[in-house]
Amino acid sequence: MMDPISLKKEILRRVNTLSYELQCKLLEYIDFLTQKLPKGVPGKQILKFAGSISQEDLQAMEKAVEDSC
């Protein structure tokens, strides 16, 4: 495992080899990794919603996901 200084230097060295477009994408990814995500709620609080989506709607959602992926 690298020490923190060596790690930062290696990251910077590798970033400098990327095209401008890839550096922009990397920055977006870093923003994603460092964003503060909202705190969720315990599962017990949302159990009341279990089964509230119809089978027909579930199938439509599944098809939409499959078509998009």
C-alpha atoms as a PDB file:
ATOM      1  CA  MET A   1       0.000   0.000   0.000  1.00  0.00           C
ATOM      2  CA  MET A   2       1.276   3.454  -0.919  1.00  0.00           C
ATOM      3  CA  ASP A   3       1.716   6.300   1.491  1.00  0.00           C
ATOM      4  CA  PRO A   4      -0.753   9.197   0.961  1.00  0.00           C
ATOM      5  CA  ILE A   5       1.783  11.481  -0.754  1.00  0.00           C
ATOM      6  CA  SER A   6       2.876   8.796  -3.229  1.00  0.00           C
ATOM      7  CA  LEU A   7      -0.742   7.911  -3.916  1.00  0.00           C
ATOM      8  CA  LYS A   8      -1.637  11.516  -4.735  1.00  0.00           C
ATOM      9  CA  LYS A   9       1.388  11.832  -7.013  1.00  0.00           C
ATOM     10  CA  GLU A  10       0.473   8.612  -8.846  1.00  0.00           C
ATOM     11  CA  ILE A  11      -3.137   9.726  -9.277  1.00  0.00           C
ATOM     12  CA  LEU A  12      -2.007  13.076 -10.667  1.00  0.00           C
ATOM     13  CA  ARG A  13       0.493  11.379 -12.995  1.00  0.00           C
ATOM     14  CA  ARG A  14      -2.230   9.153 -14.403  1.00  0.00           C
ATOM     15  CA  VAL A  15      -4.773  11.957 -14.705  1.00  0.00           C
ATOM     16  CA  ASN A  16      -2.252  13.937 -16.742  1.00  0.00           C
ATOM     17  CA  THR A  17      -2.132  11.116 -19.307  1.00  0.00           C
ATOM     18  CA  LEU A  18      -5.883  11.346 -19.945  1.00  0.00           C
ATOM     19  CA  SER A  19      -7.490  13.405 -22.681  1.00  0.00           C
ATOM     20  CA  TYR A  20      -9.354  16.549 -21.706  1.00  0.00           C
ATOM     21  CA  GLU A  21     -12.689  14.779 -22.245  1.00  0.00           C
ATOM     22  CA  LEU A  22     -11.718  11.906 -19.951  1.00  0.00           C
ATOM     23  CA  GLN A  23     -10.465  14.345 -17.332  1.00  0.00           C
ATOM     24  CA  CYS A  24     -13.899  16.017 -17.394  1.00  0.00           C
ATOM     25  CA  LYS A  25     -15.578  12.632 -16.949  1.00  0.00           C
ATOM     26  CA  LEU A  26     -13.227  11.822 -14.097  1.00  0.00           C
ATOM     27  CA  LEU A  27     -14.129  15.102 -12.403  1.00  0.00           C
ATOM     28  CA  GLU A  28     -17.828  14.237 -12.716  1.00  0.00           C
ATOM     29  CA  TYR A  29     -17.114  10.849 -11.145  1.00  0.00           C
ATOM     30  CA  ILE A  30     -15.173  12.453  -8.303  1.00  0.00           C
ATOM     31  CA  ASP A  31     -18.104  14.821  -7.726  1.00  0.00           C
ATOM     32  CA  PHE A  32     -20.408  11.776  -7.571  1.00  0.00           C
ATOM     33  CA  LEU A  33     -18.132   9.989  -5.094  1.00  0.00           C
ATOM     34  CA  THR A  34     -17.847  12.989  -2.810  1.00  0.00           C
ATOM     35  CA  GLN A  35     -21.443  14.197  -2.784  1.00  0.00           C
ATOM     36  CA  LYS A  36     -23.361  14.137   0.441  1.00  0.00           C
ATOM     37  CA  LEU A  37     -26.180  11.664   0.021  1.00  0.00           C
ATOM     38  CA  PRO A  38     -29.407  12.222   1.907  1.00  0.00           C
ATOM     39  CA  LYS A  39     -29.922   9.978   4.883  1.00  0.00           C
ATOM     40  CA  GLY A  40     -32.516   7.273   4.319  1.00  0.00           C
ATOM     41  CA  VAL A  41     -35.172   5.909   6.617  1.00  0.00           C
ATOM     42  CA  PRO A  42     -35.271   2.524   8.316  1.00  0.00           C
ATOM     43  CA  GLY A  43     -36.949  -0.193   6.260  1.00  0.00           C
ATOM     44  CA  LYS A  44     -39.575  -0.696   8.962  1.00  0.00           C
ATOM     45  CA  GLN A  45     -40.962   2.749   8.158  1.00  0.00           C
ATOM     46  CA  ILE A  46     -41.623   1.901   4.517  1.00  0.00           C
ATOM     47  CA  LEU A  47     -42.994  -1.629   4.934  1.00  0.00           C
ATOM     48  CA  LYS A  48     -46.504  -0.186   4.781  1.00  0.00           C
ATOM     49  CA  PHE A  49     -45.896   0.429   1.052  1.00  0.00           C
ATOM     50  CA  ALA A  50     -45.021  -3.202   0.305  1.00  0.00           C
ATOM     51  CA  GLY A  51     -47.404  -4.624  -2.284  1.00  0.00           C
ATOM     52  CA  SER A  52     -48.876  -1.240  -3.194  1.00  0.00           C
ATOM     53  CA  ILE A  53     -47.671  -1.382  -6.827  1.00  0.00           C
ATOM     54  CA  SER A  54     -49.850  -3.486  -9.102  1.00  0.00           C
ATOM     55  CA  GLN A  55     -48.419  -6.504 -10.892  1.00  0.00           C
ATOM     56  CA  GLU A  56     -49.195  -4.817 -14.223  1.00  0.00           C
ATOM     57  CA  ASP A  57     -47.206  -1.701 -13.236  1.00  0.00           C
ATOM     58  CA  LEU A  58     -44.301  -3.844 -12.004  1.00  0.00           C
ATOM     59  CA  GLN A  59     -44.176  -5.658 -15.334  1.00  0.00           C
ATOM     60  CA  ALA A  60     -44.259  -2.342 -17.222  1.00  0.00           C
ATOM     61  CA  MET A  61     -41.370  -1.018 -15.103  1.00  0.00           C
ATOM     62  CA  GLU A  62     -39.381  -4.208 -15.608  1.00  0.00           C
ATOM     63  CA  LYS A  63     -39.877  -4.003 -19.380  1.00  0.00           C
ATOM     64  CA  ALA A  64     -38.823  -0.331 -19.403  1.00  0.00           C
ATOM     65  CA  VAL A  65     -35.625  -1.174 -17.524  1.00  0.00           C
ATOM     66  CA  GLU A  66     -34.844  -4.096 -19.842  1.00  0.00           C
ATOM     67  CA  ASP A  67     -35.494  -1.950 -22.939  1.00  0.00           C
ATOM     68  CA  SER A  68     -33.210   0.815 -21.658  1.00  0.00           C
ATOM     69  CA  CYS A  69     -30.388  -1.470 -20.593  1.00  0.00           C
END
